[in-house]
């Protein structure tokens, strides 16, 4: 019920911004060519193309606004202007040829870059356009689809998010998002899952968002566990919608022994971390990620650990380094740490089993 209410609110906000979530398929637009005639006055018979500003010119009438109107409306406007010089003119207006009414689909659809012509006697919905483009790819993010729409009479684009999964559901009323001419549908790729630590092939993996894999499947895709890995507890770091992070433990050993119900469905953007409780790990955007080789009794701080791994890469998010300790996650601002000697005293001393995870900066 809550999701349905949110979806209705989203659609209403789109309606208010773009004046209407429906458009009249027969309304005139720039590029349409009109055939105009005046009864018993053949000298006025002409064809007129509606220009980009939505108007055309006609003898004795000057500039006539036509975009958004029907042919009947245009005929009435012409008759009113002509009546100032001609007694009771009867004007007929027909569409000789329709101008382009094109929509575009980009991103994670099977025929990306495809353009479609809207019907002149009906509407096309977002789902119909996506279906015509072959449907989603496996790595598409249906929750982050957006439509770019050019405001009428302006050069400004408005981005309107669409939760396609809500459109598909029967409770939402089905596919109700009507496309306008020149709309562009953007289907983004879902964030990858990052598997790091003691696996044979750590790295980024794009997943099938229509059938998300289990954590154990992700370990397999990463080549399986390396020697010394702690299969008792694999950690999954998940970023929630409010930006906070949650740490989930997956008992891989129990799953391997048949407790399949304890496996975890992985979500786009998750970080799967496999470590050894007897070591300290620095993972992510450092030049040499992995476990630290330390002599017994050596005390190492977060900044020292990063230095031992070669320092940050150029795309490291230095102000948002995650410290994972047991079942808790905290955030370290390493960038601020280096700004003054006083801040250096706040450097965190690491413990065996700790994981420092350096995220990639998006900017």
Protein backbone atom coordinates (compact mmCIF):
# COMPACT_ATOMS: atom_id res chain seq x y z
CA UNK A 1 0.00 0.00 0.00
CA UNK A 2 2.80 2.43 0.89
CA UNK A 3 4.59 1.73 -2.39
CA UNK A 4 1.38 2.39 -4.33
CA UNK A 5 0.90 5.72 -2.53
CA UNK A 6 4.48 6.75 -3.34
CA UNK A 7 3.95 5.84 -6.96
CA UNK A 8 0.76 7.94 -7.15
CA UNK A 9 2.65 10.87 -5.61
CA UNK A 10 5.41 10.47 -8.21
CA UNK A 11 2.93 10.52 -11.11
CA UNK A 12 1.13 13.56 -9.65
CA UNK A 13 4.42 15.47 -9.41
CA UNK A 14 5.09 14.70 -13.06
CA UNK A 15 1.61 15.95 -13.98
CA UNK A 16 2.12 19.25 -12.17
CA UNK A 17 5.51 19.87 -13.73
CA UNK A 18 4.66 18.98 -17.30
CA UNK A 19 1.04 20.31 -17.14
CA UNK A 20 -0.37 16.88 -18.07
CA UNK A 21 0.64 13.23 -18.10
CA UNK A 22 -1.43 12.83 -21.27
CA UNK A 23 -0.94 14.46 -24.63
CA UNK A 24 -3.39 14.81 -27.51
CA UNK A 25 -2.03 12.63 -30.29
CA UNK A 26 -3.85 14.72 -32.90
CA UNK A 27 -2.56 18.05 -31.55
CA UNK A 28 -0.43 19.91 -34.07
CA UNK A 29 3.34 20.15 -33.62
CA UNK A 30 6.31 21.79 -35.33
CA UNK A 31 7.03 20.00 -38.60
CA UNK A 32 3.39 19.28 -39.44
CA UNK A 33 2.34 20.49 -42.91
CA UNK A 34 -1.19 21.91 -43.17
CA UNK A 35 -3.41 22.09 -46.25
CA UNK A 36 -5.52 25.26 -45.95
CA UNK A 37 -8.41 26.35 -48.16
CA UNK A 38 -11.02 29.13 -48.05
CA UNK A 39 -14.43 28.36 -49.59
CA UNK A 40 -14.82 29.92 -53.09
CA UNK A 41 -11.47 31.72 -52.74
CA UNK A 42 -8.93 29.46 -54.40
CA UNK A 43 -6.24 32.15 -54.26
CA UNK A 44 -5.95 31.35 -50.55
CA UNK A 45 -5.43 27.62 -51.09
CA UNK A 46 -1.97 26.85 -49.72
CA UNK A 47 0.20 24.50 -47.73
CA UNK A 48 1.90 25.77 -44.58
CA UNK A 49 4.56 24.13 -42.43
CA UNK A 50 4.45 24.73 -38.68
CA UNK A 51 7.85 26.15 -37.72
CA UNK A 52 9.93 25.31 -34.65
CA UNK A 53 8.33 28.15 -32.68
CA UNK A 54 4.92 26.49 -33.21
CA UNK A 55 3.53 29.02 -35.70
CA UNK A 56 3.06 29.58 -39.45
CA UNK A 57 2.25 32.60 -41.62
CA UNK A 58 -0.86 33.07 -43.77
CA UNK A 59 -1.87 35.86 -46.17
CA UNK A 60 -3.82 38.71 -44.50
CA UNK A 61 -3.46 36.95 -41.14
CA UNK A 62 0.21 37.23 -40.33
CA UNK A 63 1.57 34.77 -37.78
CA UNK A 64 -0.79 32.07 -36.50
CA UNK A 65 0.02 29.95 -33.47
CA UNK A 66 -0.77 26.31 -34.17
CA UNK A 67 1.33 23.99 -31.96
CA UNK A 68 -0.82 22.20 -29.42
CA UNK A 69 -4.06 23.06 -31.22
CA UNK A 70 -6.37 20.96 -33.37
CA UNK A 71 -6.97 21.65 -37.07
CA UNK A 72 -10.45 22.89 -36.09
CA UNK A 73 -8.91 25.40 -33.67
CA UNK A 74 -6.53 26.66 -36.37
CA UNK A 75 -9.39 26.98 -38.87
CA UNK A 76 -11.36 29.07 -36.36
CA UNK A 77 -8.33 31.32 -35.69
CA UNK A 78 -7.83 31.89 -39.43
CA UNK A 79 -11.52 32.63 -40.00
CA UNK A 80 -11.49 35.18 -37.18
CA UNK A 81 -8.48 36.99 -38.67
CA UNK A 82 -9.83 36.87 -42.24
CA UNK A 83 -13.26 38.14 -41.14
CA UNK A 84 -11.70 41.57 -40.61
CA UNK A 85 -11.35 41.83 -44.41
CA UNK A 86 -13.59 39.09 -45.87
CA UNK A 87 -17.28 38.58 -45.12
CA UNK A 88 -18.00 35.33 -43.25
CA UNK A 89 -15.03 33.27 -44.53
CA UNK A 90 -15.28 29.48 -44.31
CA UNK A 91 -11.83 27.96 -43.69
CA UNK A 92 -10.88 24.28 -43.91
CA UNK A 93 -7.61 22.98 -42.43
CA UNK A 94 -6.29 19.44 -42.86
CA UNK A 95 -2.98 17.78 -42.05
CA UNK A 96 -1.13 17.15 -45.31
CA UNK A 97 1.76 15.35 -43.61
CA UNK A 98 2.56 14.79 -39.97
CA UNK A 99 5.94 15.92 -38.70
CA UNK A 100 8.13 13.57 -36.63
CA UNK A 101 6.74 12.41 -33.30
CA UNK A 102 9.78 10.51 -32.17
CA UNK A 103 10.84 9.02 -28.84
CA UNK A 104 14.27 7.55 -28.08
CA UNK A 105 15.43 4.66 -25.88
CA UNK A 106 19.01 4.58 -24.57
CA UNK A 107 20.94 2.44 -22.12
CA UNK A 108 20.31 -1.08 -20.89
CA UNK A 109 17.77 -2.29 -23.44
CA UNK A 110 18.53 -4.91 -26.07
CA UNK A 111 18.27 -2.40 -28.93
CA UNK A 112 19.81 0.67 -27.32
CA UNK A 113 19.70 3.84 -29.42
CA UNK A 114 16.43 2.87 -31.03
CA UNK A 115 13.94 5.58 -32.05
CA UNK A 116 10.19 5.06 -32.33
CA UNK A 117 7.45 7.09 -33.95
CA UNK A 118 4.43 7.77 -31.76
CA UNK A 119 1.07 6.85 -33.30
CA UNK A 120 -0.93 9.81 -34.67
CA UNK A 121 -4.20 8.32 -33.41
CA UNK A 122 -3.23 7.11 -29.95
CA UNK A 123 -0.60 7.03 -27.21
CA UNK A 124 2.54 5.05 -26.47
CA UNK A 125 3.54 4.15 -22.93
CA UNK A 126 7.00 3.80 -21.42
CA UNK A 127 6.68 0.03 -21.11
CA UNK A 128 5.49 -0.30 -24.71
CA UNK A 129 8.57 1.62 -25.89
CA UNK A 130 10.93 -0.47 -23.75
CA UNK A 131 9.29 -3.64 -25.05
CA UNK A 132 9.65 -2.42 -28.64
CA UNK A 133 13.37 -1.91 -27.95
CA UNK A 134 13.71 -5.60 -27.03
CA UNK A 135 13.17 -5.25 -23.29
CA UNK A 136 15.72 -4.86 -20.52
CA UNK A 137 19.18 -6.37 -20.57
CA UNK A 138 20.15 -8.57 -17.61
CA UNK A 139 22.10 -5.75 -15.95
CA UNK A 140 19.40 -3.06 -16.29
CA UNK A 141 18.17 -1.25 -13.20
CA UNK A 142 14.34 -1.04 -13.52
CA UNK A 143 14.16 1.08 -10.36
CA UNK A 144 16.20 3.93 -11.86
CA UNK A 145 14.63 4.40 -15.29
CA UNK A 146 14.08 8.05 -16.22
CA UNK A 147 12.47 10.05 -19.00
CA UNK A 148 14.08 13.25 -20.29
CA UNK A 149 11.39 15.65 -21.52
CA UNK A 150 11.82 19.02 -23.19
CA UNK A 151 9.53 21.64 -21.69
CA UNK A 152 7.01 23.02 -24.18
CA UNK A 153 8.34 26.15 -25.88
CA UNK A 154 11.63 25.98 -23.96
CA UNK A 155 15.05 24.48 -24.46
CA UNK A 156 15.08 23.10 -20.91
CA UNK A 157 15.09 19.35 -20.20
CA UNK A 158 13.26 17.87 -17.25
CA UNK A 159 14.31 14.50 -15.80
CA UNK A 160 11.39 12.40 -14.55
CA UNK A 161 12.19 9.16 -12.69
CA UNK A 162 10.02 6.09 -13.29
CA UNK A 163 9.90 3.01 -11.08
CA UNK A 164 9.19 0.53 -13.86
CA UNK A 165 8.72 -2.30 -11.38
CA UNK A 166 5.76 -0.35 -9.95
CA UNK A 167 4.38 0.25 -13.44
CA UNK A 168 4.49 -3.47 -14.15
CA UNK A 169 2.66 -4.43 -10.97
CA UNK A 170 -1.11 -4.91 -11.17
CA UNK A 171 -1.60 -2.90 -7.98
CA UNK A 172 -0.20 0.24 -9.64
CA UNK A 173 -2.80 0.12 -12.40
CA UNK A 174 -0.37 -1.16 -14.99
CA UNK A 175 1.59 0.80 -17.55
CA UNK A 176 0.33 4.37 -17.22
CA UNK A 177 3.31 6.58 -18.08
CA UNK A 178 2.43 8.22 -21.42
CA UNK A 179 5.30 9.38 -23.62
CA UNK A 180 5.44 12.77 -25.31
CA UNK A 181 7.14 13.50 -28.66
CA UNK A 182 10.92 13.96 -28.29
CA UNK A 183 10.99 12.10 -24.94
CA UNK A 184 14.14 10.09 -24.27
CA UNK A 185 13.96 7.01 -22.04
CA UNK A 186 17.18 6.32 -20.13
CA UNK A 187 17.66 2.82 -18.69
CA UNK A 188 20.80 2.75 -16.50
CA UNK A 189 23.01 -0.20 -15.69
CA UNK A 190 22.58 -1.44 -12.14
CA UNK A 191 25.61 -0.91 -9.86
CA UNK A 192 28.00 -3.89 -9.88
CA UNK A 193 28.74 -6.17 -6.96
CA UNK A 194 32.35 -5.98 -5.75
CA UNK A 195 33.86 -9.22 -4.41
CA UNK A 196 37.17 -8.67 -2.62
CA UNK A 197 39.57 -10.29 -0.19
CA UNK A 198 40.52 -13.95 -0.13
CA UNK A 199 38.94 -15.09 -3.39
CA UNK A 200 40.81 -16.28 -6.47
CA UNK A 201 39.51 -13.58 -8.84
CA UNK A 202 38.42 -10.48 -6.91
CA UNK A 203 36.73 -7.74 -8.90
CA UNK A 204 33.50 -6.12 -10.11
CA UNK A 205 30.62 -8.29 -11.30
CA UNK A 206 27.41 -7.13 -12.97
CA UNK A 207 24.46 -9.26 -11.95
CA UNK A 208 21.14 -10.23 -13.44
CA UNK A 209 18.75 -7.79 -11.74
CA UNK A 210 15.76 -9.85 -12.87
CA UNK A 211 17.13 -12.87 -10.95
CA UNK A 212 19.65 -11.65 -8.37
CA UNK A 213 22.26 -14.26 -7.40
CA UNK A 214 23.01 -15.61 -3.95
CA UNK A 215 26.15 -14.70 -2.03
CA UNK A 216 27.55 -18.21 -2.53
CA UNK A 217 27.09 -17.80 -6.30
CA UNK A 218 29.10 -14.57 -6.22
CA UNK A 219 31.94 -16.35 -4.41
CA UNK A 220 31.90 -18.99 -7.16
CA UNK A 221 31.96 -16.32 -9.89
CA UNK A 222 35.00 -14.83 -8.17
CA UNK A 223 36.85 -18.16 -8.50
CA UNK A 224 36.05 -19.52 -5.06
CA UNK A 225 37.83 -19.02 -1.75
CA UNK A 226 41.59 -18.61 -1.55
CA UNK A 227 43.75 -20.48 0.93
CA UNK A 228 43.27 -19.19 4.46
CA UNK A 229 39.86 -17.63 3.82
CA UNK A 230 37.40 -17.62 6.69
CA UNK A 231 34.38 -19.49 5.37
CA UNK A 232 32.66 -19.24 8.74
CA UNK A 233 31.67 -15.64 8.09
CA UNK A 234 31.61 -13.82 4.76
CA UNK A 235 30.62 -10.17 5.12
CA UNK A 236 28.30 -8.23 2.83
CA UNK A 237 28.29 -4.42 3.08
CA UNK A 238 25.04 -2.97 1.78
CA UNK A 239 24.27 0.71 1.20
CA UNK A 240 20.65 1.50 2.08
CA UNK A 241 18.37 4.01 0.36
CA UNK A 242 19.05 6.66 3.03
CA UNK A 243 22.81 6.40 2.45
CA UNK A 244 23.53 4.43 5.62
CA UNK A 245 25.37 1.13 5.48
CA UNK A 246 24.50 -2.25 6.90
CA UNK A 247 26.83 -5.17 7.49
CA UNK A 248 25.40 -8.66 6.89
CA UNK A 249 27.15 -11.90 7.79
CA UNK A 250 26.80 -14.98 5.60
CA UNK A 251 27.80 -18.34 7.17
CA UNK A 252 29.31 -19.79 4.01
CA UNK A 253 30.56 -22.93 5.74
CA UNK A 254 27.06 -23.79 7.00
CA UNK A 255 25.63 -23.13 3.53
CA UNK A 256 28.22 -25.46 2.00
CA UNK A 257 27.15 -28.08 4.55
CA UNK A 258 23.52 -27.88 3.41
CA UNK A 259 21.97 -24.93 5.30
CA UNK A 260 20.95 -23.31 2.01
CA UNK A 261 18.25 -21.20 3.66
CA UNK A 262 20.99 -19.10 5.30
CA UNK A 263 22.32 -17.89 1.94
CA UNK A 264 21.78 -14.21 1.13
CA UNK A 265 20.37 -12.70 -2.05
CA UNK A 266 22.90 -10.16 -3.31
CA UNK A 267 21.71 -6.72 -4.44
CA UNK A 268 23.28 -4.34 -6.97
CA UNK A 269 25.94 -2.23 -5.26
CA UNK A 270 26.71 -4.79 -2.52
CA UNK A 271 30.31 -5.38 -1.42
CA UNK A 272 31.15 -9.00 -0.63
CA UNK A 273 34.26 -9.28 1.56
CA UNK A 274 36.10 -12.53 2.38
CA UNK A 275 38.89 -12.30 4.96
CA UNK A 276 40.80 -14.16 7.64
CA UNK A 277 40.16 -13.20 11.26
CA UNK A 278 43.88 -13.42 12.06
CA UNK A 279 44.85 -10.63 9.67
CA UNK A 280 44.16 -6.96 8.90
CA UNK A 281 42.85 -6.20 5.42
CA UNK A 282 42.95 -3.05 3.29
CA UNK A 283 40.66 -3.44 0.27
CA UNK A 284 39.26 -1.34 -2.53
CA UNK A 285 40.92 1.74 -3.99
CA UNK A 286 44.49 1.34 -2.73
CA UNK A 287 47.41 0.47 -4.98
CA UNK A 288 48.09 -2.96 -3.45
CA UNK A 289 44.90 -4.21 -1.76
CA UNK A 290 45.00 -7.28 0.43
CA UNK A 291 46.10 -8.52 3.87
CA UNK A 292 48.92 -6.76 5.69
CA UNK A 293 52.05 -8.78 6.42
CA UNK A 294 52.86 -7.66 9.97
CA UNK A 295 55.29 -8.91 12.56
CA UNK A 296 53.71 -10.06 15.85
CA UNK A 297 52.98 -7.21 18.26
CA UNK A 298 53.28 -4.44 15.67
CA UNK A 299 50.77 -1.62 16.15
CA UNK A 300 49.36 -0.20 12.93
CA UNK A 301 46.97 2.70 12.43
CA UNK A 302 44.51 3.22 9.57
CA UNK A 303 46.77 5.76 7.82
CA UNK A 304 49.80 3.49 8.24
CA UNK A 305 47.87 0.50 6.84
CA UNK A 306 46.90 2.48 3.75
CA UNK A 307 50.51 3.61 3.30
CA UNK A 308 51.72 -0.01 3.56
CA UNK A 309 49.34 -0.85 0.70
CA UNK A 310 50.88 1.80 -1.54
CA UNK A 311 48.50 4.63 -0.72
CA UNK A 312 45.24 5.65 -2.33
CA UNK A 313 44.52 5.33 -6.03
CA UNK A 314 43.52 8.46 -7.94
CA UNK A 315 39.83 7.58 -7.72
CA UNK A 316 39.75 6.71 -4.00
CA UNK A 317 37.06 8.29 -1.85
CA UNK A 318 39.41 9.40 0.91
CA UNK A 319 36.75 11.09 3.04
CA UNK A 320 34.58 7.98 3.32
CA UNK A 321 36.77 4.98 4.21
CA UNK A 322 34.88 2.14 5.86
CA UNK A 323 36.23 0.41 8.96
CA UNK A 324 34.55 -2.97 9.40
CA UNK A 325 35.15 -4.42 12.86
CA UNK A 326 33.29 -7.56 13.86
CA UNK A 327 29.65 -6.74 13.02
CA UNK A 328 29.94 -2.94 13.03
CA UNK A 329 30.72 -0.38 10.32
CA UNK A 330 32.21 3.06 10.98
CA UNK A 331 33.40 5.76 8.60
CA UNK A 332 36.87 7.37 8.61
CA UNK A 333 37.60 10.72 6.95
CA UNK A 334 41.23 10.08 6.00
CA UNK A 335 41.35 13.26 3.91
CA UNK A 336 40.67 15.42 6.97
CA UNK A 337 43.12 13.38 9.01
CA UNK A 338 46.05 14.80 7.03
CA UNK A 339 45.00 18.47 7.27
CA UNK A 340 46.54 19.15 10.70
CA UNK A 341 48.82 17.57 13.28
CA UNK A 342 45.97 17.62 15.78
CA UNK A 343 43.84 15.46 13.51
CA UNK A 344 46.64 12.90 13.20
CA UNK A 345 46.13 12.06 16.87
CA UNK A 346 42.67 10.79 15.90
CA UNK A 347 44.17 8.08 13.71
CA UNK A 348 42.50 4.74 14.53
CA UNK A 349 44.61 1.83 15.78
CA UNK A 350 43.60 -1.31 13.91
CA UNK A 351 42.94 -4.74 15.39
CA UNK A 352 43.37 -8.18 13.87
CA UNK A 353 40.25 -9.03 11.91
CA UNK A 354 39.63 -5.38 10.94
CA UNK A 355 38.88 -4.48 7.34
CA UNK A 356 39.57 -1.05 5.83
CA UNK A 357 37.49 -0.64 2.69
CA UNK A 358 38.22 2.30 0.39
CA UNK A 359 35.33 3.08 -1.92
CA UNK A 360 35.62 4.52 -5.41
CA UNK A 361 34.83 8.22 -5.70
CA UNK A 362 32.13 9.05 -8.25
CA UNK A 363 33.38 12.63 -8.73
